[in-house]
Amino acid sequence: MSHRKFEAPRHGSLGFLPRKRTRRHRGRIRSFPRDDASKDCHLTAFCGYKAGMTHIVRDVERPGSKVHKKEVVEAVTILETPPMVAVGVVGYVQTPSGMKSLCTVWAEHLSEEVKRRFYKNWYKSKKKAFTKYAKAASAENTIEEGLNRIKEYCQVVRVIMHTQVRKLNLRIKKAHVLEVQVNGGNVADKVDYARGLLEKEIDVKSVFGKDELIDVCGVTKGHGNEGVVTRWGVTRLPRKTHRGLRKIACIGAWHPARVGRTVARSGQNGYHHRTELNKKIYRIGVKGDETSCTTEADLTEKSITPMGGFPHYGVINEDWIMVKGCVAGSRKRVLTLRKSLMKHSRRDHLEEVQLKFIDTSSKYGHGRFQTFKEKAAFLGPLARQQSA
């Protein structure tokens, strides 16, 4: 066998096998940040919905970097984060074979949004979920007994929370439900903290802060069945190749008489579960704030929704967060946001970001104007307005 003239490292990572459609639509948190009893009790995750992207201008404060004290333009993603509601508390016991749930305590009153999640077919059902539990909880001291069991035996406390999808114009009626770990303090403090959250709305500002780095768990955009060139990034064959060139030339030796698992093959591409680390929060917006995109350098009063709305999403009416770069998934997709697992020491991670400009021009065309007021001042009265 002759020697290889050039290096040829393999195409595509084997670390993400099998490349098939994920079983879950919402991002799953496989591990929570390490608990620190010296800190106050706090939640470690939240849910948001991807609205779209825009860009910002800011000055970089990073001594030693070539862009120090210079303006940069960066892409950002906007996630709409309506308040979530806590409806339950779960206690876990550490065992030699891993964590086991000991006790789950539910709130007395659950909204229709979360009840729909427990049914396959809501309109044909009797809609009696949790009715017996609510009666027992009001008649007896069931909730307090369960919380006392968690205080006595458990080491990990998590809160069951659900999103309020009715507040979004997404034609979704079933709430997305997730468990969020409570970190900080001892177990009794955790249980009291979780008890105080039951049936209350939790804002994104109470979980995350500006300039914080978070991890985004979500499902990527699906592309269906695709070939090896797109799916694995292998090189196309020469132009004159018989029977097509977007193929693998040799899928393996005669023996062993089977195709190896490391050989690139066509199949499902996209709709995979992925977790992306260290996405920086540039800004957190509040519902109803019409000046949420005003900066010191740009005093124009404008909200985050661009002219004409976000394509295939619409208008943002609830709280929102702005994160640097892109995130997994298509528009309207639910994403799970988690506090970072690591301690940060890099200069760009610790940098305090001050935005100079946030673009709110139309995302449907070239976007000449930032607001409708600016457009009207430039164009003057339109013909249909003059005729009226």
Foldseek 3Di string as FASTA:
>chain_A
DDDDPDDDDFFFDPPQPPPDADPDFEFDDPDAADFDQADAKAWFWAKWFWFAKFKFKFQDCFPPDPRHRHIDIFMKTKTFGFWKAWFKKWFWAQDPVGIDTDFMAGHLDDDPQALVVVDPDPVPDPSCPCVVVNVCVVVDVVRVVRLVVRLVGGFWMWTKIWGDCVVFPPPRRHIDIDIITIHYHGRNSNSVVNVVRHRHTDDPCRHDDALAWKKKKGFAAWDFWDFQCVQRVDDFADPPDPPGTSHDPDQDDPPVPDGDPSGGGIGTDTNGIDMGTTWGWHAKFAAPQQQRFAAPQRRDRGDQAAVVGRPPGGDRRGIMIMTTDDDGDDGRRMMMIGGHRDDDDDSVSPDRIGTNGIARADPPDPGPDRDVVVVCVVVPDDPVRVVD
